[in-house]
């Protein structure tokens, strides 16, 4: 592996936070910065990959495939929703619809 040096100018407060984080993680400051940069580059590449893939997508084909997904196949063991996600009769939000949070628990209409 080829190594190179790069003079990195950081705000003193950021450098201090990095030093604390490296100490908490039990790694060298240089290693922490290398991992952080690698994670950021990976995230950017992943974003670009999905952007490029989505530009080639055909929405009508996607909807057609989703429409037929699961048709004619009985549910198998393990397909059940957790009990807390199941709808309870008579519970409605202020707009008249049932409301489910990201965690699958119903939200009360007056808690918004």
Protein backbone atom coordinates (compact mmCIF):
# COMPACT_ATOMS: atom_id res chain seq x y z
CA UNK A 1 0.00 0.00 0.00
CA UNK A 2 1.40 3.34 -1.02
CA UNK A 3 1.30 6.04 1.61
CA UNK A 4 1.31 9.76 1.15
CA UNK A 5 1.43 12.80 3.37
CA UNK A 6 -1.12 15.57 3.23
CA UNK A 7 -1.11 18.72 5.31
CA UNK A 8 -4.61 19.00 6.69
CA UNK A 9 -5.78 22.29 8.16
CA UNK A 10 -8.53 21.86 10.73
CA UNK A 11 -10.28 24.25 13.02
CA UNK A 12 -8.82 23.84 16.53
CA UNK A 13 -12.22 22.89 17.96
CA UNK A 14 -12.70 20.18 15.31
CA UNK A 15 -9.19 18.84 15.90
CA UNK A 16 -9.91 18.62 19.62
CA UNK A 17 -13.16 16.71 18.96
CA UNK A 18 -11.29 14.33 16.65
CA UNK A 19 -8.65 13.70 19.31
CA UNK A 20 -11.35 12.92 21.88
CA UNK A 21 -13.13 10.60 19.46
CA UNK A 22 -9.90 8.78 18.61
CA UNK A 23 -9.12 8.31 22.27
CA UNK A 24 -12.62 6.98 22.99
CA UNK A 25 -12.33 4.57 20.04
CA UNK A 26 -8.85 3.51 21.09
CA UNK A 27 -7.29 4.34 17.72
CA UNK A 28 -4.69 6.77 16.45
CA UNK A 29 -5.90 10.15 15.23
CA UNK A 30 -4.54 9.37 11.76
CA UNK A 31 -6.50 6.10 11.62
CA UNK A 32 -9.71 7.83 12.72
CA UNK A 33 -9.33 10.45 9.98
CA UNK A 34 -8.57 7.75 7.36
CA UNK A 35 -11.69 5.77 8.32
CA UNK A 36 -13.87 8.90 8.35
CA UNK A 37 -12.66 9.93 4.89
CA UNK A 38 -13.15 6.38 3.57
CA UNK A 39 -16.72 6.31 4.92
CA UNK A 40 -17.53 9.64 3.29
CA UNK A 41 -16.09 8.57 -0.07
CA UNK A 42 -18.09 5.33 0.14
CA UNK A 43 -21.30 7.24 0.88
CA UNK A 44 -20.72 9.57 -2.07
CA UNK A 45 -20.03 6.65 -4.42
CA UNK A 46 -23.13 4.84 -3.19
CA UNK A 47 -25.27 7.93 -3.74
CA UNK A 48 -23.91 8.31 -7.26
CA UNK A 49 -24.49 4.61 -7.98
CA UNK A 50 -28.15 4.82 -7.00
CA UNK A 51 -28.62 8.09 -8.87
CA UNK A 52 -27.24 6.50 -12.03
CA UNK A 53 -29.33 3.34 -11.55
CA UNK A 54 -32.51 5.32 -10.97
CA UNK A 55 -31.95 7.27 -14.19
CA UNK A 56 -32.19 3.96 -16.07
CA UNK A 57 -35.29 2.77 -14.23
CA UNK A 58 -38.62 2.37 -15.98
CA UNK A 59 -41.35 3.35 -13.53
CA UNK A 60 -44.12 1.53 -15.44
CA UNK A 61 -42.09 -1.72 -15.42
CA UNK A 62 -41.41 -1.32 -11.72
CA UNK A 63 -45.09 -0.79 -10.91
CA UNK A 64 -46.07 -3.76 -13.10
CA UNK A 65 -43.64 -6.02 -11.23
CA UNK A 66 -44.82 -4.78 -7.84
CA UNK A 67 -48.44 -5.27 -8.83
CA UNK A 68 -47.94 -8.98 -9.41
CA UNK A 69 -45.58 -9.56 -6.48
CA UNK A 70 -46.95 -12.19 -4.15
CA UNK A 71 -50.03 -12.98 -6.22
CA UNK A 72 -50.96 -16.65 -5.93
CA UNK A 73 -48.47 -17.26 -3.13
CA UNK A 74 -49.83 -18.02 0.30
CA UNK A 75 -47.99 -16.35 3.17
CA UNK A 76 -45.29 -18.51 4.72
CA UNK A 77 -44.41 -18.73 8.39
CA UNK A 78 -42.50 -15.60 9.36
CA UNK A 79 -44.42 -13.30 6.98
CA UNK A 80 -46.71 -12.10 9.77
CA UNK A 81 -46.57 -8.51 10.97
CA UNK A 82 -45.62 -8.00 14.62
CA UNK A 83 -48.70 -7.72 16.84
CA UNK A 84 -47.98 -4.05 17.64
CA UNK A 85 -48.23 -3.22 13.92
CA UNK A 86 -51.64 -4.73 13.43
CA UNK A 87 -54.56 -2.34 13.04
CA UNK A 88 -56.90 -1.93 15.95
CA UNK A 89 -60.52 -1.20 15.02
CA UNK A 90 -61.94 2.19 15.87
CA UNK A 91 -58.67 4.10 16.17
CA UNK A 92 -58.52 7.05 13.80
CA UNK A 93 -56.39 10.16 13.51
CA UNK A 94 -57.87 13.66 13.34
CA UNK A 95 -57.96 13.45 9.54
CA UNK A 96 -60.08 10.29 9.71
CA UNK A 97 -57.26 7.95 8.71
CA UNK A 98 -55.39 5.50 10.85
CA UNK A 99 -51.91 6.72 11.63
CA UNK A 100 -48.87 4.50 12.14
CA UNK A 101 -45.46 5.78 13.18
CA UNK A 102 -42.15 4.53 11.79
CA UNK A 103 -41.88 2.17 14.73
CA UNK A 104 -45.21 0.64 13.86
CA UNK A 105 -47.04 2.02 16.86
CA UNK A 106 -50.18 4.02 16.38
CA UNK A 107 -49.88 7.71 17.07
CA UNK A 108 -52.63 9.49 18.86
CA UNK A 109 -54.17 12.27 16.82
CA UNK A 110 -53.76 14.78 19.66
CA UNK A 111 -50.01 14.09 20.07
CA UNK A 112 -48.99 15.79 16.79
